[in-house]
Structures are given as C-alpha cells and as structure tokens.
Amino acid sequence: MSFRYIDIHSHLNFVAFDADREETVKRALDAGVAMINVGTQQNTSKKAIELAETHEQGVFAIVGLHPVHTSTSFHDEKELGAGGKEFTSHGEVFDGTYYRELVRNQKVVGIGECGLDYYRLEPESEKKQKEVFVQHIALANEAKKPLMLHVRNGSGRSAYREALDILKQEAKVPGDFHFFAGSWEEAREILDAGFYLSFTGVITFAREYAEVVKNAPLDRIMSETDSPYVTPVPFRGKRNEPLYVREVVKAIALIRNEDEEKVRSQLIANAEKLFAISLS
C-alpha cells in the first residue's frame, strides 16, 4: 500500500480514542494517511506498540516518557489546548530496562516524546526533566533511532536552546522538534544543528509561526496532528485525528507559496528518511 500523507505525531493510544480507535485508524489508512503514535509514559508507550502491531502497514510507534510525567504536576485545558482534558501526573521514574525492551519491537521507529517543558517550572522538576532527557538520548544512541522531542518555552527561558545544548553534547542520532512553537532564531539554531521541525494544525488558524514555516528548508520539516489536540481548520471544535493532517500539509504549502503536491511528496520523503520507514 502506498501512503500520500503521514501524521508523524499522534496519540490514538490515548483514552480519547477508546470508543472508536479502530474506526479512526481505518479512516486515515483508507485515505492514504500513515501515522506514528507516540508514547508519553509506560502504559501509553505499550499501547502505541499494540496498536501498531494490529496493522501490517501505515501504523508505527514511538516510546518514551514525556517531561511532564517525570514529576507530580497538574495540567488543565488552558495549558493543553482544545481537546485536552485536565489531568494530574503522579510522576514516573524512567525505567531504562522497560523502555529498552519496548524499543526491540520492529514497529518502534523512535524514542520519545522526551525533552524539556518549562510551562510550569520548578527547580526539582527541571532537574528531573534534564536527567530523564539525557537517559532518553542514551537509549536512542544505543538503539540508533531518532528522538521525538517535546520542548516548550516558559518561565522566561528558552527551553529550545537549553534542549539543543544538551543534544549537542549527548546525541549521536537526529530527531524532530515536534509541535514547534519557537521563534525563527531558535528554529535556525535547531536546523543548523541538523534536527527537524514539525508543525500541527495550529498553523491553519494562527499566523505567528508563518515565518518559520516559510523559511525552514522543505527537506527538514514534517506534518503532524498531535491528536486529539489542536484540531485544524475547518474541523475546529471536533476531536483531532490523523486524517486531518492533510489540512496541515495544505497550510504548509499555502504559507510557503509552493505547489501542494511538491510539498506533500517532500514531507513523505522526510519522514521516510528520519524514521527509516517505507511509505511508498
């Protein structure tokens, strides 16, 4: 089967899809949309693999511990955006043995989502985030798989630059800064270091990221939904899903003033290269 699109970061492994998970996957696959479901802790990482294993083609997994799950913390809809239900993370100790075993599965194409989240930052949580981030990088180096990076600025600090400093010191593999929401200056530093950027449906209704979308090299960007969050226009108000990544691709082409087919084809090639997968 040949795929025309890929959502490189979705969460069909989350409870938001418990009622219609298979139907949602089928809608995407039938429309030629492949997907990578990304873990955020042990249970959702395992679920991402289980979902990928039920489909011969077009469904992949990434496993890891999200930085907000490294310590006890509360997260509400204001922080998570549309589609995000408030939750309290009780914190998870990074179990390298557990994740190392998951990575052995052939459906696993990357490590993450890992990184630094400074939205609500406390000294103890910062220390834990950085320790766990380095552990993820070590696992990715060992497995020779790319990193799926969750990085968010806050507390008056550039988490992007601090994460990049760590990556430059520790990483021997490439990676993607998912849901990129930084400045063009931060983006340029990331690109110069050899990493990728991916964009969500936010670019269909917010213009503050247009400079990055327009100026980043086409062979270093990718499309994602981060479903169930940040649903793109014209589906705002609905739960997001991988099928809607087509709207993200359209928006990228429009912002860049480039042929949509050219953009679509290159985004597929980029994902194939970074994640070592075959989609065509």
C-alpha atoms as a PDB file:
ATOM      1  CA  MET A   1       0.000   0.000   0.000  1.00  0.00           C
ATOM      2  CA  SER A   2       1.247   3.477  -0.852  1.00  0.00           C
ATOM      3  CA  PHE A   3       0.695   6.420   1.507  1.00  0.00           C
ATOM      4  CA  ARG A   4       0.316  10.021   0.381  1.00  0.00           C
ATOM      5  CA  TYR A   5       0.496  11.620   3.835  1.00  0.00           C
ATOM      6  CA  ILE A   6       1.914  10.875   7.253  1.00  0.00           C
ATOM      7  CA  ASP A   7       0.988  12.194  10.670  1.00  0.00           C
ATOM      8  CA  ILE A   8       4.341  11.851  12.405  1.00  0.00           C
ATOM      9  CA  HIS A   9       2.964  12.583  15.884  1.00  0.00           C
ATOM     10  CA  SER A  10      -0.449  11.429  17.065  1.00  0.00           C
ATOM     11  CA  HIS A  11      -1.908   9.875  20.212  1.00  0.00           C
ATOM     12  CA  LEU A  12      -4.510   7.315  19.182  1.00  0.00           C
ATOM     13  CA  ASN A  13      -3.091   5.360  22.115  1.00  0.00           C
ATOM     14  CA  PHE A  14      -4.825   7.837  24.478  1.00  0.00           C
ATOM     15  CA  VAL A  15      -8.178   7.233  26.194  1.00  0.00           C
ATOM     16  CA  ALA A  16      -9.766   9.919  23.983  1.00  0.00           C
ATOM     17  CA  PHE A  17      -9.958   7.230  21.271  1.00  0.00           C
ATOM     18  CA  ASP A  18     -11.088   4.271  23.371  1.00  0.00           C
ATOM     19  CA  ALA A  19     -14.597   4.321  21.893  1.00  0.00           C
ATOM     20  CA  ASP A  20     -13.630   4.394  18.204  1.00  0.00           C
ATOM     21  CA  ARG A  21      -9.885   3.782  17.893  1.00  0.00           C
ATOM     22  CA  GLU A  22     -10.028   1.272  15.046  1.00  0.00           C
ATOM     23  CA  GLU A  23     -12.548   3.314  13.093  1.00  0.00           C
ATOM     24  CA  THR A  24     -10.259   6.346  13.399  1.00  0.00           C
ATOM     25  CA  VAL A  25      -7.252   4.378  12.185  1.00  0.00           C
ATOM     26  CA  LYS A  26      -9.266   2.990   9.280  1.00  0.00           C
ATOM     27  CA  ARG A  27     -10.433   6.450   8.185  1.00  0.00           C
ATOM     28  CA  ALA A  28      -6.843   7.559   7.955  1.00  0.00           C
ATOM     29  CA  LEU A  29      -5.442   4.474   6.246  1.00  0.00           C
ATOM     30  CA  ASP A  30      -8.295   4.382   3.712  1.00  0.00           C
ATOM     31  CA  ALA A  31      -7.403   7.979   2.783  1.00  0.00           C
ATOM     32  CA  GLY A  32      -3.715   7.150   2.360  1.00  0.00           C
ATOM     33  CA  VAL A  33      -2.613   8.644   5.678  1.00  0.00           C
ATOM     34  CA  ALA A  34       0.034   6.785   7.684  1.00  0.00           C
ATOM     35  CA  MET A  35       0.668   7.616  11.343  1.00  0.00           C
ATOM     36  CA  ILE A  36       3.118   7.363  14.211  1.00  0.00           C
ATOM     37  CA  ASN A  37       1.524   7.099  17.648  1.00  0.00           C
ATOM     38  CA  VAL A  38       3.737   8.476  20.380  1.00  0.00           C
ATOM     39  CA  GLY A  39       4.017   7.263  23.954  1.00  0.00           C
ATOM     40  CA  THR A  40       4.137   9.581  26.955  1.00  0.00           C
ATOM     41  CA  GLN A  41       4.763   7.029  29.723  1.00  0.00           C
ATOM     42  CA  GLN A  42       4.915   3.258  30.167  1.00  0.00           C
ATOM     43  CA  ASN A  43       1.247   2.438  29.559  1.00  0.00           C
ATOM     44  CA  THR A  44       0.747   4.703  26.541  1.00  0.00           C
ATOM     45  CA  SER A  45       4.057   3.567  25.022  1.00  0.00           C
ATOM     46  CA  LYS A  46       2.967  -0.054  25.300  1.00  0.00           C
ATOM     47  CA  LYS A  47      -0.435   0.860  23.852  1.00  0.00           C
ATOM     48  CA  ALA A  48       1.225   2.577  20.868  1.00  0.00           C
ATOM     49  CA  ILE A  49       3.062  -0.651  20.053  1.00  0.00           C
ATOM     50  CA  GLU A  50      -0.047  -2.788  20.477  1.00  0.00           C
ATOM     51  CA  LEU A  51      -1.936  -0.539  18.076  1.00  0.00           C
ATOM     52  CA  ALA A  52       0.880  -0.640  15.519  1.00  0.00           C
ATOM     53  CA  GLU A  53       1.092  -4.419  15.722  1.00  0.00           C
ATOM     54  CA  THR A  54      -2.556  -4.785  14.699  1.00  0.00           C
ATOM     55  CA  HIS A  55      -1.828  -3.128  11.358  1.00  0.00           C
ATOM     56  CA  GLU A  56       0.595  -4.540   8.830  1.00  0.00           C
ATOM     57  CA  GLN A  57       1.261  -1.177   7.202  1.00  0.00           C
ATOM     58  CA  GLY A  58       0.992   2.509   7.932  1.00  0.00           C
ATOM     59  CA  VAL A  59       0.918   2.475  11.751  1.00  0.00           C
ATOM     60  CA  PHE A  60       4.104   2.920  13.774  1.00  0.00           C
ATOM     61  CA  ALA A  61       5.055   3.623  17.390  1.00  0.00           C
ATOM     62  CA  ILE A  62       7.447   5.786  19.375  1.00  0.00           C
ATOM     63  CA  VAL A  63       8.088   5.057  23.056  1.00  0.00           C
ATOM     64  CA  GLY A  64       9.233   7.202  25.941  1.00  0.00           C
ATOM     65  CA  LEU A  65       8.446   9.335  28.980  1.00  0.00           C
ATOM     66  CA  HIS A  66       7.048  12.837  28.453  1.00  0.00           C
ATOM     67  CA  PRO A  67       8.818  15.502  30.536  1.00  0.00           C
ATOM     68  CA  VAL A  68       5.592  16.483  32.339  1.00  0.00           C
ATOM     69  CA  HIS A  69       5.288  12.897  33.574  1.00  0.00           C
ATOM     70  CA  THR A  70       8.675  12.908  35.278  1.00  0.00           C
ATOM     71  CA  SER A  71       7.186  14.568  38.402  1.00  0.00           C
ATOM     72  CA  THR A  72       3.843  15.231  40.078  1.00  0.00           C
ATOM     73  CA  SER A  73       2.069  18.031  38.243  1.00  0.00           C
ATOM     74  CA  PHE A  74      -1.390  19.327  37.283  1.00  0.00           C
ATOM     75  CA  HIS A  75      -2.329  20.165  33.694  1.00  0.00           C
ATOM     76  CA  ASP A  76      -5.546  21.893  32.583  1.00  0.00           C
ATOM     77  CA  GLU A  77      -7.256  22.710  29.286  1.00  0.00           C
ATOM     78  CA  LYS A  78      -5.718  26.181  29.228  1.00  0.00           C
ATOM     79  CA  GLU A  79      -2.299  24.547  29.014  1.00  0.00           C
ATOM     80  CA  LEU A  80      -3.239  21.588  26.811  1.00  0.00           C
ATOM     81  CA  GLY A  81      -5.410  23.442  24.314  1.00  0.00           C
ATOM     82  CA  ALA A  82      -8.669  22.376  22.705  1.00  0.00           C
ATOM     83  CA  GLY A  83      -9.366  18.674  23.144  1.00  0.00           C
ATOM     84  CA  GLY A  84      -7.214  18.406  26.253  1.00  0.00           C
ATOM     85  CA  LYS A  85      -8.874  17.095  29.413  1.00  0.00           C
ATOM     86  CA  GLU A  86      -7.269  18.236  32.666  1.00  0.00           C
ATOM     87  CA  PHE A  87      -5.196  15.623  34.458  1.00  0.00           C
ATOM     88  CA  THR A  88      -2.752  15.177  37.326  1.00  0.00           C
ATOM     89  CA  SER A  89       0.512  13.410  36.567  1.00  0.00           C
ATOM     90  CA  HIS A  90       1.754  11.428  39.560  1.00  0.00           C
ATOM     91  CA  GLY A  91       5.219  11.149  38.118  1.00  0.00           C
ATOM     92  CA  GLU A  92       7.029   8.139  36.694  1.00  0.00           C
ATOM     93  CA  VAL A  93      10.599   7.042  37.273  1.00  0.00           C
ATOM     94  CA  PHE A  94      12.287   6.397  33.937  1.00  0.00           C
ATOM     95  CA  ASP A  95      12.806   2.640  33.703  1.00  0.00           C
ATOM     96  CA  GLY A  96      15.510   2.151  31.103  1.00  0.00           C
ATOM     97  CA  THR A  97      15.134  -1.634  31.162  1.00  0.00           C
ATOM     98  CA  TYR A  98      11.406  -1.399  30.433  1.00  0.00           C
ATOM     99  CA  TYR A  99      11.815   1.047  27.549  1.00  0.00           C
ATOM    100  CA  ARG A 100      14.822  -0.789  26.171  1.00  0.00           C
ATOM    101  CA  GLU A 101      12.663  -3.904  25.845  1.00  0.00           C
ATOM    102  CA  LEU A 102       9.922  -1.932  24.069  1.00  0.00           C
ATOM    103  CA  VAL A 103      12.424  -0.479  21.613  1.00  0.00           C
ATOM    104  CA  ARG A 104      13.289  -4.001  20.446  1.00  0.00           C
ATOM    105  CA  ASN A 105       9.891  -4.182  18.732  1.00  0.00           C
ATOM    106  CA  GLN A 106      10.224  -3.660  14.969  1.00  0.00           C
ATOM    107  CA  LYS A 107       7.251  -1.273  14.937  1.00  0.00           C
ATOM    108  CA  VAL A 108       9.106   1.213  17.137  1.00  0.00           C
ATOM    109  CA  VAL A 109      10.684   3.913  14.958  1.00  0.00           C
ATOM    110  CA  GLY A 110      11.862   6.421  17.550  1.00  0.00           C
ATOM    111  CA  ILE A 111      12.377   7.406  21.188  1.00  0.00           C
ATOM    112  CA  GLY A 112      10.159   9.947  22.960  1.00  0.00           C
ATOM    113  CA  GLU A 113       8.388  12.112  23.383  1.00  0.00           C
ATOM    114  CA  CYS A 114      11.139  13.430  25.576  1.00  0.00           C
ATOM    115  CA  GLY A 115      12.710  16.799  26.267  1.00  0.00           C
ATOM    116  CA  LEU A 116      12.099  19.883  28.397  1.00  0.00           C
ATOM    117  CA  ASP A 117       8.777  21.512  29.281  1.00  0.00           C
ATOM    118  CA  TYR A 118       9.127  24.863  31.027  1.00  0.00           C
ATOM    119  CA  TYR A 119       5.430  25.827  31.020  1.00  0.00           C
ATOM    120  CA  ARG A 120       5.250  25.318  34.798  1.00  0.00           C
ATOM    121  CA  LEU A 121       8.806  25.052  36.015  1.00  0.00           C
ATOM    122  CA  GLU A 122      10.105  24.270  39.485  1.00  0.00           C
ATOM    123  CA  PRO A 123      13.752  23.588  40.414  1.00  0.00           C
ATOM    124  CA  GLU A 124      13.136  19.943  41.291  1.00  0.00           C
ATOM    125  CA  SER A 125      11.106  19.220  38.140  1.00  0.00           C
ATOM    126  CA  GLU A 126      13.760  20.895  35.979  1.00  0.00           C
ATOM    127  CA  LYS A 127      16.452  18.660  37.456  1.00  0.00           C
ATOM    128  CA  LYS A 128      14.372  15.525  36.843  1.00  0.00           C
ATOM    129  CA  GLN A 129      13.463  16.554  33.301  1.00  0.00           C
ATOM    130  CA  LYS A 130      17.084  17.057  32.351  1.00  0.00           C
ATOM    131  CA  GLU A 131      18.193  13.765  33.904  1.00  0.00           C
ATOM    132  CA  VAL A 132      15.450  11.817  32.113  1.00  0.00           C
ATOM    133  CA  PHE A 133      16.130  13.636  28.852  1.00  0.00           C
ATOM    134  CA  VAL A 134      19.760  12.517  28.918  1.00  0.00           C
ATOM    135  CA  GLN A 135      18.617   8.946  29.629  1.00  0.00           C
ATOM    136  CA  HIS A 136      16.361   9.032  26.575  1.00  0.00           C
ATOM    137  CA  ILE A 137      19.198  10.310  24.424  1.00  0.00           C
ATOM    138  CA  ALA A 138      21.434   7.483  25.647  1.00  0.00           C
ATOM    139  CA  LEU A 139      18.736   4.946  24.757  1.00  0.00           C
ATOM    140  CA  ALA A 140      18.281   6.499  21.303  1.00  0.00           C
ATOM    141  CA  ASN A 141      22.031   6.406  20.715  1.00  0.00           C
ATOM    142  CA  GLU A 142      22.120   2.757  21.727  1.00  0.00           C
ATOM    143  CA  ALA A 143      19.137   1.814  19.576  1.00  0.00           C
ATOM    144  CA  LYS A 144      20.242   4.067  16.694  1.00  0.00           C
ATOM    145  CA  LYS A 145      16.734   5.527  16.483  1.00  0.00           C
ATOM    146  CA  PRO A 146      15.739   9.201  16.186  1.00  0.00           C
ATOM    147  CA  LEU A 147      14.358  11.304  19.011  1.00  0.00           C
ATOM    148  CA  MET A 148      10.831  12.689  19.154  1.00  0.00           C
ATOM    149  CA  LEU A 149      11.352  15.905  21.082  1.00  0.00           C
ATOM    150  CA  HIS A 150       8.822  17.738  23.225  1.00  0.00           C
ATOM    151  CA  VAL A 151      10.211  21.177  24.025  1.00  0.00           C
ATOM    152  CA  ARG A 152       8.233  24.148  25.328  1.00  0.00           C
ATOM    153  CA  ASN A 153       9.441  27.550  26.461  1.00  0.00           C
ATOM    154  CA  GLY A 154       8.333  29.112  29.729  1.00  0.00           C
ATOM    155  CA  SER A 155       9.427  30.908  32.889  1.00  0.00           C
ATOM    156  CA  GLY A 156      11.192  33.455  30.709  1.00  0.00           C
ATOM    157  CA  ARG A 157      13.636  30.861  29.415  1.00  0.00           C
ATOM    158  CA  SER A 158      14.275  29.235  26.040  1.00  0.00           C
ATOM    159  CA  ALA A 159      13.764  25.531  26.565  1.00  0.00           C
ATOM    160  CA  TYR A 160      14.638  25.139  22.874  1.00  0.00           C
ATOM    161  CA  ARG A 161      18.154  26.466  23.349  1.00  0.00           C
ATOM    162  CA  GLU A 162      18.683  24.535  26.575  1.00  0.00           C
ATOM    163  CA  ALA A 163      17.464  21.307  24.971  1.00  0.00           C
ATOM    164  CA  LEU A 164      19.672  21.933  21.963  1.00  0.00           C
ATOM    165  CA  ASP A 165      22.704  22.421  24.230  1.00  0.00           C
ATOM    166  CA  ILE A 166      22.042  19.008  25.775  1.00  0.00           C
ATOM    167  CA  LEU A 167      21.523  17.398  22.378  1.00  0.00           C
ATOM    168  CA  LYS A 168      24.776  18.822  21.047  1.00  0.00           C
ATOM    169  CA  GLN A 169      26.620  17.300  23.989  1.00  0.00           C
ATOM    170  CA  GLU A 170      24.873  13.931  24.135  1.00  0.00           C
ATOM    171  CA  ALA A 171      23.048  12.952  20.937  1.00  0.00           C
ATOM    172  CA  LYS A 172      24.530  10.797  18.190  1.00  0.00           C
ATOM    173  CA  VAL A 173      21.197  10.495  16.386  1.00  0.00           C
ATOM    174  CA  PRO A 174      18.910  13.026  14.665  1.00  0.00           C
ATOM    175  CA  GLY A 175      15.468  13.997  15.894  1.00  0.00           C
ATOM    176  CA  ASP A 176      12.348  16.084  15.406  1.00  0.00           C
ATOM    177  CA  PHE A 177      11.240  19.069  17.478  1.00  0.00           C
ATOM    178  CA  HIS A 178       7.543  18.257  17.426  1.00  0.00           C
ATOM    179  CA  PHE A 179       4.826  20.948  17.536  1.00  0.00           C
ATOM    180  CA  PHE A 180       7.459  23.615  17.029  1.00  0.00           C
ATOM    181  CA  ALA A 181       6.303  26.902  18.551  1.00  0.00           C
ATOM    182  CA  GLY A 182       9.513  28.868  18.941  1.00  0.00           C
ATOM    183  CA  SER A 183      10.997  31.824  17.115  1.00  0.00           C
ATOM    184  CA  TRP A 184      12.749  31.806  13.758  1.00  0.00           C
ATOM    185  CA  GLU A 185      16.036  32.446  15.591  1.00  0.00           C
ATOM    186  CA  GLU A 186      15.519  29.317  17.712  1.00  0.00           C
ATOM    187  CA  ALA A 187      14.417  27.366  14.643  1.00  0.00           C
ATOM    188  CA  ARG A 188      17.516  28.380  12.728  1.00  0.00           C
ATOM    189  CA  GLU A 189      19.788  27.123  15.523  1.00  0.00           C
ATOM    190  CA  ILE A 190      17.910  23.811  15.586  1.00  0.00           C
ATOM    191  CA  LEU A 191      18.120  23.412  11.825  1.00  0.00           C
ATOM    192  CA  ASP A 192      21.805  24.327  11.797  1.00  0.00           C
ATOM    193  CA  ALA A 193      22.382  21.511  14.288  1.00  0.00           C
ATOM    194  CA  GLY A 194      20.809  19.001  11.893  1.00  0.00           C
ATOM    195  CA  PHE A 195      17.412  18.486  13.505  1.00  0.00           C
ATOM    196  CA  TYR A 196      13.906  18.590  12.005  1.00  0.00           C
ATOM    197  CA  LEU A 197      10.813  20.653  12.843  1.00  0.00           C
ATOM    198  CA  SER A 198       7.211  19.507  12.607  1.00  0.00           C
ATOM    199  CA  PHE A 199       4.018  21.558  12.584  1.00  0.00           C
ATOM    200  CA  THR A 200       0.462  20.949  13.738  1.00  0.00           C
ATOM    201  CA  GLY A 201      -2.981  22.264  12.852  1.00  0.00           C
ATOM    202  CA  VAL A 202      -2.179  25.442  14.775  1.00  0.00           C
ATOM    203  CA  ILE A 203      -0.685  26.828  11.556  1.00  0.00           C
ATOM    204  CA  THR A 204      -4.154  26.724   9.951  1.00  0.00           C
ATOM    205  CA  PHE A 205      -5.511  29.380  12.341  1.00  0.00           C
ATOM    206  CA  ALA A 206      -2.532  31.141  13.961  1.00  0.00           C
ATOM    207  CA  ARG A 207      -0.081  33.243  11.978  1.00  0.00           C
ATOM    208  CA  GLU A 208       2.782  33.623  14.457  1.00  0.00           C
ATOM    209  CA  TYR A 209       4.576  30.545  13.092  1.00  0.00           C
ATOM    210  CA  ALA A 210       4.393  31.540   9.429  1.00  0.00           C
ATOM    211  CA  GLU A 211       7.951  32.898   9.378  1.00  0.00           C
ATOM    212  CA  VAL A 212       9.374  29.540  10.466  1.00  0.00           C
ATOM    213  CA  VAL A 213       7.148  27.509   8.136  1.00  0.00           C
ATOM    214  CA  LYS A 214       8.102  29.747   5.227  1.00  0.00           C
ATOM    215  CA  ASN A 215      11.847  29.938   5.853  1.00  0.00           C
ATOM    216  CA  ALA A 216      12.719  26.415   7.007  1.00  0.00           C
ATOM    217  CA  PRO A 217      14.192  24.176   4.283  1.00  0.00           C
ATOM    218  CA  LEU A 218      11.438  21.994   2.814  1.00  0.00           C
ATOM    219  CA  ASP A 219      13.539  18.860   3.307  1.00  0.00           C
ATOM    220  CA  ARG A 220      13.745  19.468   7.073  1.00  0.00           C
ATOM    221  CA  ILE A 221      10.090  19.861   8.066  1.00  0.00           C
ATOM    222  CA  MET A 222       7.233  17.425   8.681  1.00  0.00           C
ATOM    223  CA  SER A 223       3.484  17.317   9.288  1.00  0.00           C
ATOM    224  CA  GLU A 224       1.639  16.154  12.392  1.00  0.00           C
ATOM    225  CA  THR A 225      -1.657  16.488  14.239  1.00  0.00           C
ATOM    226  CA  ASP A 226      -0.755  15.872  17.913  1.00  0.00           C
ATOM    227  CA  SER A 227      -4.288  14.473  18.011  1.00  0.00           C
ATOM    228  CA  PRO A 228      -6.553  14.598  19.946  1.00  0.00           C
ATOM    229  CA  TYR A 229      -5.329  18.180  20.442  1.00  0.00           C
ATOM    230  CA  VAL A 230      -5.187  21.364  18.286  1.00  0.00           C
ATOM    231  CA  THR A 231      -7.652  20.427  15.564  1.00  0.00           C
ATOM    232  CA  PRO A 232      -7.024  22.321  12.299  1.00  0.00           C
ATOM    233  CA  VAL A 233      -9.422  24.495  10.332  1.00  0.00           C
ATOM    234  CA  PRO A 234     -12.026  23.560   9.049  1.00  0.00           C
ATOM    235  CA  PHE A 235     -12.595  20.972  11.802  1.00  0.00           C
ATOM    236  CA  ARG A 236     -12.147  23.248  14.832  1.00  0.00           C
ATOM    237  CA  GLY A 237     -14.368  22.166  17.702  1.00  0.00           C
ATOM    238  CA  LYS A 238     -14.032  18.472  16.861  1.00  0.00           C
ATOM    239  CA  ARG A 239     -11.576  15.996  18.331  1.00  0.00           C
ATOM    240  CA  ASN A 240      -8.463  15.927  16.191  1.00  0.00           C
ATOM    241  CA  GLU A 241      -7.346  12.773  14.358  1.00  0.00           C
ATOM    242  CA  PRO A 242      -4.614  11.684  11.895  1.00  0.00           C
ATOM    243  CA  LEU A 243      -6.881  12.088   8.852  1.00  0.00           C
ATOM    244  CA  TYR A 244      -6.777  15.851   9.384  1.00  0.00           C
ATOM    245  CA  VAL A 245      -3.031  16.017   8.768  1.00  0.00           C
ATOM    246  CA  ARG A 246      -3.979  16.719   5.161  1.00  0.00           C
ATOM    247  CA  GLU A 247      -5.057  20.205   6.277  1.00  0.00           C
ATOM    248  CA  VAL A 248      -1.642  20.776   7.836  1.00  0.00           C
ATOM    249  CA  VAL A 249       0.061  19.868   4.563  1.00  0.00           C
ATOM    250  CA  LYS A 250      -2.227  22.243   2.665  1.00  0.00           C
ATOM    251  CA  ALA A 251      -1.403  25.026   5.114  1.00  0.00           C
ATOM    252  CA  ILE A 252       2.345  24.444   4.795  1.00  0.00           C
ATOM    253  CA  ALA A 253       2.098  24.703   1.001  1.00  0.00           C
ATOM    254  CA  LEU A 254      -0.062  27.835   1.223  1.00  0.00           C
ATOM    255  CA  ILE A 255       2.233  29.614   3.688  1.00  0.00           C
ATOM    256  CA  ARG A 256       5.293  28.748   1.612  1.00  0.00           C
ATOM    257  CA  ASN A 257       3.516  29.618  -1.644  1.00  0.00           C
ATOM    258  CA  GLU A 258       4.642  26.297  -3.090  1.00  0.00           C
ATOM    259  CA  ASP A 259       2.902  23.596  -5.096  1.00  0.00           C
ATOM    260  CA  GLU A 260       0.935  21.389  -2.713  1.00  0.00           C
ATOM    261  CA  GLU A 261       1.933  18.172  -4.484  1.00  0.00           C
ATOM    262  CA  LYS A 262       5.606  19.100  -4.239  1.00  0.00           C
ATOM    263  CA  VAL A 263       5.227  19.796  -0.523  1.00  0.00           C
ATOM    264  CA  ARG A 264       3.220  16.633   0.106  1.00  0.00           C
ATOM    265  CA  SER A 265       5.781  14.454  -1.663  1.00  0.00           C
ATOM    266  CA  GLN A 266       8.734  16.015   0.168  1.00  0.00           C
ATOM    267  CA  LEU A 267       7.110  15.656   3.594  1.00  0.00           C
ATOM    268  CA  ILE A 268       6.650  11.939   2.962  1.00  0.00           C
ATOM    269  CA  ALA A 269      10.298  11.643   1.892  1.00  0.00           C
ATOM    270  CA  ASN A 270      11.436  13.491   5.016  1.00  0.00           C
ATOM    271  CA  ALA A 271       9.582  11.101   7.306  1.00  0.00           C
ATOM    272  CA  GLU A 272      10.895   8.084   5.437  1.00  0.00           C
ATOM    273  CA  LYS A 273      14.441   9.355   5.874  1.00  0.00           C
ATOM    274  CA  LEU A 274      14.252  10.316   9.552  1.00  0.00           C
ATOM    275  CA  PHE A 275      12.317   7.276  10.782  1.00  0.00           C
ATOM    276  CA  ALA A 276      13.800   4.741   8.349  1.00  0.00           C
ATOM    277  CA  ILE A 277      10.373   3.630   7.123  1.00  0.00           C
ATOM    278  CA  SER A 278       8.897   2.921   3.693  1.00  0.00           C
ATOM    279  CA  LEU A 279       5.612   4.602   2.792  1.00  0.00           C
ATOM    280  CA  SER A 280       5.509   4.427  -0.998  1.00  0.00           C
END
